[in-house]
Every structure is written in C-alpha cells, then in structure tokens.
Amino acid sequence: MILSDMGAEVIKIEKTGGEDSRKSKPIVRGQSLYFAVYNRGKKSLCLDLRQDAGKAVFFDLLKSTDIVLENFRPGTIEKMGLGYDKLTKIKRDIILLRVSGFGQYGPYRDRGAFDSLGQAMSGLMMLTGTKVNSEPEPIGTAFSLVDRTTALHATIGALGALRHRDQTGRGQVIDVCLMDSALTMVEIPTSYYLATGKEGGEGGRTSYVAKDGWVVISQGASPILNKRLYEFIGQKYTGDQQRNSGSLF
C-alpha cells in the first residue's frame, strides 16, 4: 500500500476466489472497508501458484518486476517452487521482500503471528495499558500498530535494496518480521532492563482529568522543559520526577 501510494505499480496475487480479508468487517456498501483501505491503488490477480498454469503467469510477470513481496511462513514459497534461487533464474536482479511473524531463522520461525501478538510479546501492551491508582493492565492499541511499523520497515528495506541494485546491478533478499518491528518500539525499556535488571525507562503516556474533560501534557524528556512546566503550575522541580508519572497534580 505504501509503495503504491508513492507511485509504484503493485499487482497483488490472491488465491482463487480472492483473499479472506475481502469479507472482513465493517462492510460498507457491500465491500469490506478494511480491504478497500489497505489495498487501494493495487491491481488484483487470482492465481493458484501451486499449479503449473499459475506459475507460468507468475513467471511471465516476474520478467518485468522489481520486487516480489511474500508474507507466508518461512519455507512456504520454497515448497511452492518459488524460492529466491528459482526467481533469480527468471529475473537475475530481482529483490525478494520477505515479511513474517518471527523471521526466516530462529526457534519461532515456523509460527504465525498477528499484530496483537507482537504488541504482547514485546511488552508494548504492558507499557501502554495502565489504570489510575491500580496495577498496570495489558492493553493493546486500537489499531494495528505493529503491522504498520512492520510495513514501514519493509518499505525502507525495499527502497534501500532498489538503491543498492542501482549501484551494483544485484538484487537481494530482505527479511522483515513483526516481532523485530515490535521490539524497535520498546528499545528504551528493554535497554534499561538489560543494563540495570530493573523495569523502567519509559511507560504509557498519562492523561489528566480537568474540570471540562481530559488533558494531555507533552513536555518530553527534556529536564529544561520539565522544569519550566513545574514552575508554570507552581510546583517545585527537583529533577527526580518521572516523565508521564501522573504525579504532576
């Protein structure tokens, strides 16, 4: 979707009958809103890539293609006869962009994953979820944050691979996974824990109750801005206050 937004011609290959998200709710005027939004600007083609006839169409398209994106579980395209070695025989400088749950290597490589698993396993859900005057409760974001971040990483990798090909004439394989992307969003608390053995470093953003609704104060992590804020509200700033601690008032 992002590459299409930037002007790329994107041909999406779906299974015979169309992919399942075409039926995802909410349905607006007989069409899945989810499918319409995330597939805008794409051309769709239904192929059975496990059959020779489907492979023939795919290989013909490959001859004029820059990037092949796949998001099966690792090893699936090899079983289908569409591995990188096979692709390079058709298009020598092809770029293969592989997006999966846990990457092409490691003990979790064969597992599938969706956005909520990335939010939970990375710890992001615990950092985000909190209740006033109670223990933190894991709460995920209201949209697929990790899915979108993974897509952004995949896009950056694709653009870097295109630049590399311009310079060298060679294609390559890009390995992007949901779990890695989720971990990039908890780098500060993860690094803090590895360095100190303690939890901390960052937490959910706090909102405050005002007389006419909720208010968010965003002073960042700057000691100078924190000091100015405390002075503005008539509080003494000692330098020990934790950002977003909810203790301002």
C-alpha atoms as a PDB file:
ATOM      1  CA  MET A   1       0.000   0.000   0.000  1.00  0.00           C
ATOM      2  CA  ILE A   2       2.780   2.430   0.924  1.00  0.00           C
ATOM      3  CA  LEU A   3       4.733   1.683  -2.255  1.00  0.00           C
ATOM      4  CA  SER A   4       1.548   2.121  -4.270  1.00  0.00           C
ATOM      5  CA  ASP A   5       0.910   5.471  -2.573  1.00  0.00           C
ATOM      6  CA  MET A   6       4.373   6.534  -3.750  1.00  0.00           C
ATOM      7  CA  GLY A   7       3.565   5.634  -7.359  1.00  0.00           C
ATOM      8  CA  ALA A   8       4.620   2.016  -7.748  1.00  0.00           C
ATOM      9  CA  GLU A   9       2.572  -0.341  -9.892  1.00  0.00           C
ATOM     10  CA  VAL A  10       1.512  -3.055  -7.453  1.00  0.00           C
ATOM     11  CA  ILE A  11      -0.037  -6.330  -8.594  1.00  0.00           C
ATOM     12  CA  LYS A  12      -1.470  -8.317  -5.707  1.00  0.00           C
ATOM     13  CA  ILE A  13      -1.726 -12.057  -6.273  1.00  0.00           C
ATOM     14  CA  GLU A  14      -4.617 -13.602  -4.358  1.00  0.00           C
ATOM     15  CA  LYS A  15      -5.777 -17.149  -4.001  1.00  0.00           C
ATOM     16  CA  THR A  16      -8.552 -18.391  -6.277  1.00  0.00           C
ATOM     17  CA  GLY A  17     -11.755 -16.687  -5.180  1.00  0.00           C
ATOM     18  CA  GLY A  18      -9.949 -13.798  -3.518  1.00  0.00           C
ATOM     19  CA  GLU A  19      -8.276 -13.372  -0.137  1.00  0.00           C
ATOM     20  CA  ASP A  20     -10.200 -13.720   3.123  1.00  0.00           C
ATOM     21  CA  SER A  21      -9.973 -10.048   4.131  1.00  0.00           C
ATOM     22  CA  ARG A  22     -12.394  -9.173   1.324  1.00  0.00           C
ATOM     23  CA  LYS A  23     -15.047 -10.339   3.795  1.00  0.00           C
ATOM     24  CA  SER A  24     -13.644  -8.543   6.859  1.00  0.00           C
ATOM     25  CA  LYS A  25     -15.952  -6.191   8.748  1.00  0.00           C
ATOM     26  CA  PRO A  26     -17.007  -3.437   8.698  1.00  0.00           C
ATOM     27  CA  ILE A  27     -18.852  -3.828   5.410  1.00  0.00           C
ATOM     28  CA  VAL A  28     -19.765  -0.556   3.681  1.00  0.00           C
ATOM     29  CA  ARG A  29     -21.923  -0.594   0.556  1.00  0.00           C
ATOM     30  CA  GLY A  30     -21.274  -4.302   0.147  1.00  0.00           C
ATOM     31  CA  GLN A  31     -17.478  -4.010   0.354  1.00  0.00           C
ATOM     32  CA  SER A  32     -15.002  -4.612   3.179  1.00  0.00           C
ATOM     33  CA  LEU A  33     -13.731  -1.248   4.390  1.00  0.00           C
ATOM     34  CA  TYR A  34     -10.591  -2.980   5.687  1.00  0.00           C
ATOM     35  CA  PHE A  35      -9.810  -4.478   2.293  1.00  0.00           C
ATOM     36  CA  ALA A  36     -10.595  -1.267   0.390  1.00  0.00           C
ATOM     37  CA  VAL A  37      -8.331   0.900   2.559  1.00  0.00           C
ATOM     38  CA  TYR A  38      -5.270  -1.362   2.645  1.00  0.00           C
ATOM     39  CA  ASN A  39      -5.493  -2.434  -0.983  1.00  0.00           C
ATOM     40  CA  ARG A  40      -6.027   0.974  -2.536  1.00  0.00           C
ATOM     41  CA  GLY A  41      -4.113   1.554  -5.744  1.00  0.00           C
ATOM     42  CA  LYS A  42      -3.352  -2.132  -6.280  1.00  0.00           C
ATOM     43  CA  LYS A  43      -4.262  -4.404  -9.146  1.00  0.00           C
ATOM     44  CA  SER A  44      -5.502  -7.849  -8.126  1.00  0.00           C
ATOM     45  CA  LEU A  45      -4.971 -11.185  -9.839  1.00  0.00           C
ATOM     46  CA  CYS A  46      -6.147 -14.594  -8.640  1.00  0.00           C
ATOM     47  CA  LEU A  47      -3.652 -17.396  -9.278  1.00  0.00           C
ATOM     48  CA  ASP A  48      -3.124 -20.906  -7.967  1.00  0.00           C
ATOM     49  CA  LEU A  49       0.655 -20.787  -7.576  1.00  0.00           C
ATOM     50  CA  ARG A  50       0.824 -24.479  -6.768  1.00  0.00           C
ATOM     51  CA  GLN A  51      -0.281 -25.312 -10.307  1.00  0.00           C
ATOM     52  CA  ASP A  52       1.917 -25.069 -13.397  1.00  0.00           C
ATOM     53  CA  ALA A  53      -0.531 -22.756 -15.173  1.00  0.00           C
ATOM     54  CA  GLY A  54      -0.485 -20.315 -12.257  1.00  0.00           C
ATOM     55  CA  LYS A  55       3.309 -20.436 -12.040  1.00  0.00           C
ATOM     56  CA  ALA A  56       3.583 -19.698 -15.770  1.00  0.00           C
ATOM     57  CA  VAL A  57       1.589 -16.475 -15.376  1.00  0.00           C
ATOM     58  CA  PHE A  58       3.618 -15.508 -12.320  1.00  0.00           C
ATOM     59  CA  PHE A  59       6.967 -16.103 -14.036  1.00  0.00           C
ATOM     60  CA  ASP A  60       5.828 -14.061 -17.020  1.00  0.00           C
ATOM     61  CA  LEU A  61       5.001 -11.138 -14.698  1.00  0.00           C
ATOM     62  CA  LEU A  62       8.330 -11.607 -12.938  1.00  0.00           C
ATOM     63  CA  LYS A  63      10.283 -10.676 -16.061  1.00  0.00           C
ATOM     64  CA  SER A  64       9.226  -7.020 -15.711  1.00  0.00           C
ATOM     65  CA  THR A  65       9.083  -6.886 -11.908  1.00  0.00           C
ATOM     66  CA  ASP A  66      11.422  -5.076  -9.500  1.00  0.00           C
ATOM     67  CA  ILE A  67      10.264  -6.537  -6.179  1.00  0.00           C
ATOM     68  CA  VAL A  68       8.443  -9.668  -5.078  1.00  0.00           C
ATOM     69  CA  LEU A  69       6.809  -9.380  -1.658  1.00  0.00           C
ATOM     70  CA  GLU A  70       5.681 -12.504   0.176  1.00  0.00           C
ATOM     71  CA  ASN A  71       4.317 -12.958   3.681  1.00  0.00           C
ATOM     72  CA  PHE A  72       3.928 -16.707   4.017  1.00  0.00           C
ATOM     73  CA  ARG A  73       5.505 -18.636   6.844  1.00  0.00           C
ATOM     74  CA  PRO A  74       9.224 -19.293   6.185  1.00  0.00           C
ATOM     75  CA  GLY A  75       9.814 -22.150   3.758  1.00  0.00           C
ATOM     76  CA  THR A  76       6.395 -21.966   2.089  1.00  0.00           C
ATOM     77  CA  ILE A  77       7.482 -20.375  -1.183  1.00  0.00           C
ATOM     78  CA  GLU A  78      10.347 -22.856  -1.439  1.00  0.00           C
ATOM     79  CA  LYS A  79       7.820 -25.704  -1.207  1.00  0.00           C
ATOM     80  CA  MET A  80       5.797 -23.987  -3.943  1.00  0.00           C
ATOM     81  CA  GLY A  81       8.861 -23.853  -6.199  1.00  0.00           C
ATOM     82  CA  LEU A  82       9.127 -20.061  -5.917  1.00  0.00           C
ATOM     83  CA  GLY A  83      12.257 -19.690  -3.789  1.00  0.00           C
ATOM     84  CA  TYR A  84      14.821 -16.944  -4.375  1.00  0.00           C
ATOM     85  CA  ASP A  85      17.125 -19.219  -6.366  1.00  0.00           C
ATOM     86  CA  LYS A  86      14.247 -20.030  -8.708  1.00  0.00           C
ATOM     87  CA  LEU A  87      13.235 -16.371  -9.044  1.00  0.00           C
ATOM     88  CA  THR A  88      16.766 -15.264  -9.974  1.00  0.00           C
ATOM     89  CA  LYS A  89      16.794 -17.713 -12.868  1.00  0.00           C
ATOM     90  CA  ILE A  90      13.871 -15.788 -14.354  1.00  0.00           C
ATOM     91  CA  LYS A  91      14.955 -12.268 -13.266  1.00  0.00           C
ATOM     92  CA  ARG A  92      18.614 -12.058 -12.270  1.00  0.00           C
ATOM     93  CA  ASP A  93      18.372  -8.837 -10.233  1.00  0.00           C
ATOM     94  CA  ILE A  94      15.021  -9.477  -8.545  1.00  0.00           C
ATOM     95  CA  ILE A  95      14.517  -8.210  -4.975  1.00  0.00           C
ATOM     96  CA  LEU A  96      12.641 -10.608  -2.692  1.00  0.00           C
ATOM     97  CA  LEU A  97      10.982  -8.933   0.285  1.00  0.00           C
ATOM     98  CA  ARG A  98      10.019 -11.485   2.945  1.00  0.00           C
ATOM     99  CA  VAL A  99       7.669 -10.450   5.753  1.00  0.00           C
ATOM    100  CA  SER A 100       6.822 -12.933   8.505  1.00  0.00           C
ATOM    101  CA  GLY A 101       5.906 -13.206  12.166  1.00  0.00           C
ATOM    102  CA  PHE A 102       9.295 -14.153  13.624  1.00  0.00           C
ATOM    103  CA  GLY A 103      11.764 -14.004  10.741  1.00  0.00           C
ATOM    104  CA  GLN A 104      13.342 -16.590   8.472  1.00  0.00           C
ATOM    105  CA  TYR A 105      15.621 -18.034  11.194  1.00  0.00           C
ATOM    106  CA  GLY A 106      15.396 -18.980  14.852  1.00  0.00           C
ATOM    107  CA  PRO A 107      13.229 -21.236  17.022  1.00  0.00           C
ATOM    108  CA  TYR A 108       9.954 -19.377  16.306  1.00  0.00           C
ATOM    109  CA  ARG A 109      10.370 -19.195  12.511  1.00  0.00           C
ATOM    110  CA  ASP A 110       7.539 -21.672  11.823  1.00  0.00           C
ATOM    111  CA  ARG A 111       4.998 -19.805  13.928  1.00  0.00           C
ATOM    112  CA  GLY A 112       2.424 -17.447  12.514  1.00  0.00           C
ATOM    113  CA  ALA A 113       1.686 -14.100  14.135  1.00  0.00           C
ATOM    114  CA  PHE A 114      -0.689 -11.180  14.028  1.00  0.00           C
ATOM    115  CA  ASP A 115      -0.366  -7.630  15.323  1.00  0.00           C
ATOM    116  CA  SER A 116      -1.634  -8.300  18.862  1.00  0.00           C
ATOM    117  CA  LEU A 117       0.990 -10.995  19.443  1.00  0.00           C
ATOM    118  CA  GLY A 118       3.733  -8.517  18.563  1.00  0.00           C
ATOM    119  CA  GLN A 119       2.290  -5.954  20.961  1.00  0.00           C
ATOM    120  CA  ALA A 120       2.012  -8.543  23.746  1.00  0.00           C
ATOM    121  CA  MET A 121       5.311 -10.407  23.358  1.00  0.00           C
ATOM    122  CA  SER A 122       7.382  -7.249  23.006  1.00  0.00           C
ATOM    123  CA  GLY A 123       5.962  -5.793  26.223  1.00  0.00           C
ATOM    124  CA  LEU A 124       4.405  -2.855  24.401  1.00  0.00           C
ATOM    125  CA  MET A 125       0.954  -3.834  25.634  1.00  0.00           C
ATOM    126  CA  MET A 126       2.074  -3.587  29.253  1.00  0.00           C
ATOM    127  CA  LEU A 127       3.709  -0.206  28.690  1.00  0.00           C
ATOM    128  CA  THR A 128       0.581   1.136  27.020  1.00  0.00           C
ATOM    129  CA  GLY A 129      -2.012  -0.223  29.403  1.00  0.00           C
ATOM    130  CA  THR A 130      -2.490   1.412  32.764  1.00  0.00           C
ATOM    131  CA  LYS A 131      -5.282   2.399  35.067  1.00  0.00           C
ATOM    132  CA  VAL A 132      -5.312   5.273  37.528  1.00  0.00           C
ATOM    133  CA  ASN A 133      -4.409   4.142  41.068  1.00  0.00           C
ATOM    134  CA  SER A 134      -4.156   0.472  40.131  1.00  0.00           C
ATOM    135  CA  GLU A 135      -1.720  -2.072  38.784  1.00  0.00           C
ATOM    136  CA  PRO A 136      -0.908  -1.843  35.063  1.00  0.00           C
ATOM    137  CA  GLU A 137      -3.178  -3.875  32.825  1.00  0.00           C
ATOM    138  CA  PRO A 138      -2.018  -5.009  29.366  1.00  0.00           C
ATOM    139  CA  ILE A 139      -3.961  -3.049  26.747  1.00  0.00           C
ATOM    140  CA  GLY A 140      -3.210  -3.000  23.046  1.00  0.00           C
ATOM    141  CA  THR A 141      -3.589  -0.043  20.735  1.00  0.00           C
ATOM    142  CA  ALA A 142      -6.890   0.492  18.940  1.00  0.00           C
ATOM    143  CA  PHE A 143      -5.248  -0.057  15.558  1.00  0.00           C
ATOM    144  CA  SER A 144      -2.642  -2.469  14.176  1.00  0.00           C
ATOM    145  CA  LEU A 145       0.428  -0.504  15.228  1.00  0.00           C
ATOM    146  CA  VAL A 146       2.950  -3.322  14.813  1.00  0.00           C
ATOM    147  CA  ASP A 147       1.556  -4.300  11.414  1.00  0.00           C
ATOM    148  CA  ARG A 148       2.003  -0.720  10.196  1.00  0.00           C
ATOM    149  CA  THR A 149       5.505  -0.419  11.664  1.00  0.00           C
ATOM    150  CA  THR A 150       6.498  -3.707  10.021  1.00  0.00           C
ATOM    151  CA  ALA A 151       5.197  -2.409   6.697  1.00  0.00           C
ATOM    152  CA  LEU A 152       7.234   0.779   7.101  1.00  0.00           C
ATOM    153  CA  HIS A 153      10.382  -1.254   7.819  1.00  0.00           C
ATOM    154  CA  ALA A 154       9.643  -3.414   4.767  1.00  0.00           C
ATOM    155  CA  THR A 155       9.218  -0.301   2.631  1.00  0.00           C
ATOM    156  CA  ILE A 156      12.503   1.164   3.857  1.00  0.00           C
ATOM    157  CA  GLY A 157      14.221  -2.146   3.112  1.00  0.00           C
ATOM    158  CA  ALA A 158      12.709  -2.247  -0.361  1.00  0.00           C
ATOM    159  CA  LEU A 159      13.866   1.281  -1.167  1.00  0.00           C
ATOM    160  CA  GLY A 160      17.344   0.522   0.164  1.00  0.00           C
ATOM    161  CA  ALA A 161      17.501  -2.631  -1.962  1.00  0.00           C
ATOM    162  CA  LEU A 162      16.485  -0.668  -5.055  1.00  0.00           C
ATOM    163  CA  ARG A 163      19.240   1.861  -4.368  1.00  0.00           C
ATOM    164  CA  HIS A 164      21.732  -0.988  -3.867  1.00  0.00           C
ATOM    165  CA  ARG A 165      20.651  -2.542  -7.165  1.00  0.00           C
ATOM    166  CA  ASP A 166      21.095   0.793  -8.950  1.00  0.00           C
ATOM    167  CA  GLN A 167      24.685   0.881  -7.719  1.00  0.00           C
ATOM    168  CA  THR A 168      25.653  -2.786  -8.090  1.00  0.00           C
ATOM    169  CA  GLY A 169      23.182  -4.375 -10.503  1.00  0.00           C
ATOM    170  CA  ARG A 170      22.398  -7.038  -7.909  1.00  0.00           C
ATOM    171  CA  GLY A 171      19.144  -7.939  -6.209  1.00  0.00           C
ATOM    172  CA  GLN A 172      18.878  -9.355  -2.700  1.00  0.00           C
ATOM    173  CA  VAL A 173      16.593 -10.858  -0.071  1.00  0.00           C
ATOM    174  CA  ILE A 174      15.120  -8.556   2.602  1.00  0.00           C
ATOM    175  CA  ASP A 175      13.984 -10.257   5.827  1.00  0.00           C
ATOM    176  CA  VAL A 176      11.481  -8.246   7.890  1.00  0.00           C
ATOM    177  CA  CYS A 177       9.435  -9.649  10.747  1.00  0.00           C
ATOM    178  CA  LEU A 178       6.649  -8.489  13.017  1.00  0.00           C
ATOM    179  CA  MET A 179       8.468  -9.344  16.252  1.00  0.00           C
ATOM    180  CA  ASP A 180      11.610  -7.382  15.328  1.00  0.00           C
ATOM    181  CA  SER A 181       9.455  -4.392  14.425  1.00  0.00           C
ATOM    182  CA  ALA A 182       7.601  -4.596  17.732  1.00  0.00           C
ATOM    183  CA  LEU A 183      10.879  -4.640  19.651  1.00  0.00           C
ATOM    184  CA  THR A 184      12.036  -1.430  17.956  1.00  0.00           C
ATOM    185  CA  MET A 185       9.189   0.330  19.780  1.00  0.00           C
ATOM    186  CA  VAL A 186      10.354  -0.751  23.239  1.00  0.00           C
ATOM    187  CA  GLU A 187      14.067  -0.056  22.836  1.00  0.00           C
ATOM    188  CA  ILE A 188      14.354   2.255  25.855  1.00  0.00           C
ATOM    189  CA  PRO A 189      12.707  -0.004  28.495  1.00  0.00           C
ATOM    190  CA  THR A 190      14.447  -3.058  27.003  1.00  0.00           C
ATOM    191  CA  SER A 191      17.860  -1.388  27.120  1.00  0.00           C
ATOM    192  CA  TYR A 192      17.162  -0.089  30.620  1.00  0.00           C
ATOM    193  CA  TYR A 193      16.284  -3.585  31.839  1.00  0.00           C
ATOM    194  CA  LEU A 194      19.331  -5.180  30.220  1.00  0.00           C
ATOM    195  CA  ALA A 195      21.571  -2.512  31.756  1.00  0.00           C
ATOM    196  CA  THR A 196      20.075  -2.440  35.265  1.00  0.00           C
ATOM    197  CA  GLY A 197      17.956  -5.545  35.728  1.00  0.00           C
ATOM    198  CA  LYS A 198      15.026  -3.295  36.614  1.00  0.00           C
ATOM    199  CA  GLU A 199      11.848  -2.254  34.856  1.00  0.00           C
ATOM    200  CA  GLY A 200      11.544   1.378  33.857  1.00  0.00           C
ATOM    201  CA  GLY A 201      12.833   3.929  31.414  1.00  0.00           C
ATOM    202  CA  GLU A 202       9.511   4.517  29.719  1.00  0.00           C
ATOM    203  CA  GLY A 203       5.812   3.935  30.235  1.00  0.00           C
ATOM    204  CA  GLY A 204       2.346   4.684  28.969  1.00  0.00           C
ATOM    205  CA  ARG A 205       1.528   8.308  28.288  1.00  0.00           C
ATOM    206  CA  THR A 206      -0.600   9.790  31.062  1.00  0.00           C
ATOM    207  CA  SER A 207      -3.668  11.960  30.628  1.00  0.00           C
ATOM    208  CA  TYR A 208      -5.119  14.112  33.399  1.00  0.00           C
ATOM    209  CA  VAL A 209      -8.662  14.917  34.435  1.00  0.00           C
ATOM    210  CA  ALA A 210      -9.552  18.594  34.109  1.00  0.00           C
ATOM    211  CA  LYS A 211     -12.817  20.330  35.026  1.00  0.00           C
ATOM    212  CA  ASP A 212     -14.052  20.219  31.415  1.00  0.00           C
ATOM    213  CA  GLY A 213     -12.570  16.916  30.211  1.00  0.00           C
ATOM    214  CA  TRP A 214      -9.202  15.238  29.772  1.00  0.00           C
ATOM    215  CA  VAL A 215      -5.910  16.993  29.071  1.00  0.00           C
ATOM    216  CA  VAL A 216      -2.573  15.697  27.816  1.00  0.00           C
ATOM    217  CA  ILE A 217       0.646  17.492  28.740  1.00  0.00           C
ATOM    218  CA  SER A 218       3.572  16.688  26.469  1.00  0.00           C
ATOM    219  CA  GLN A 219       6.768  18.131  27.848  1.00  0.00           C
ATOM    220  CA  GLY A 220       9.031  15.356  26.571  1.00  0.00           C
ATOM    221  CA  ALA A 221      12.077  14.076  28.423  1.00  0.00           C
ATOM    222  CA  SER A 222      13.941  17.384  28.468  1.00  0.00           C
ATOM    223  CA  PRO A 223      14.903  18.482  32.023  1.00  0.00           C
ATOM    224  CA  ILE A 224      14.660  22.111  30.882  1.00  0.00           C
ATOM    225  CA  LEU A 225      11.094  21.687  29.621  1.00  0.00           C
ATOM    226  CA  ASN A 226      10.153  19.698  32.720  1.00  0.00           C
ATOM    227  CA  LYS A 227      11.485  22.473  34.967  1.00  0.00           C
ATOM    228  CA  ARG A 228       9.551  25.123  33.044  1.00  0.00           C
ATOM    229  CA  LEU A 229       6.362  23.075  33.314  1.00  0.00           C
ATOM    230  CA  TYR A 230       6.675  22.595  37.060  1.00  0.00           C
ATOM    231  CA  GLU A 231       7.377  26.292  37.532  1.00  0.00           C
ATOM    232  CA  PHE A 232       4.351  27.166  35.412  1.00  0.00           C
ATOM    233  CA  ILE A 233       1.993  25.091  37.574  1.00  0.00           C
ATOM    234  CA  GLY A 234       3.584  26.283  40.814  1.00  0.00           C
ATOM    235  CA  GLN A 235       5.311  23.039  41.709  1.00  0.00           C
ATOM    236  CA  LYS A 236       8.880  22.565  42.854  1.00  0.00           C
ATOM    237  CA  TYR A 237      11.040  20.704  40.354  1.00  0.00           C
ATOM    238  CA  THR A 238      13.730  18.503  41.924  1.00  0.00           C
ATOM    239  CA  GLY A 239      14.841  16.660  38.804  1.00  0.00           C
ATOM    240  CA  ASP A 240      13.661  13.334  40.218  1.00  0.00           C
ATOM    241  CA  GLN A 241      10.145  13.376  38.783  1.00  0.00           C
ATOM    242  CA  GLN A 242       9.468  10.715  36.232  1.00  0.00           C
ATOM    243  CA  ARG A 243       8.078  11.720  32.870  1.00  0.00           C
ATOM    244  CA  ASN A 244       4.423  10.742  32.434  1.00  0.00           C
ATOM    245  CA  SER A 245       4.252   9.542  36.026  1.00  0.00           C
ATOM    246  CA  GLY A 246       0.872  11.122  36.683  1.00  0.00           C
ATOM    247  CA  SER A 247       2.266  12.927  39.716  1.00  0.00           C
ATOM    248  CA  LEU A 248       2.111  16.447  38.338  1.00  0.00           C
ATOM    249  CA  PHE A 249      -1.122  17.332  40.095  1.00  0.00           C
END
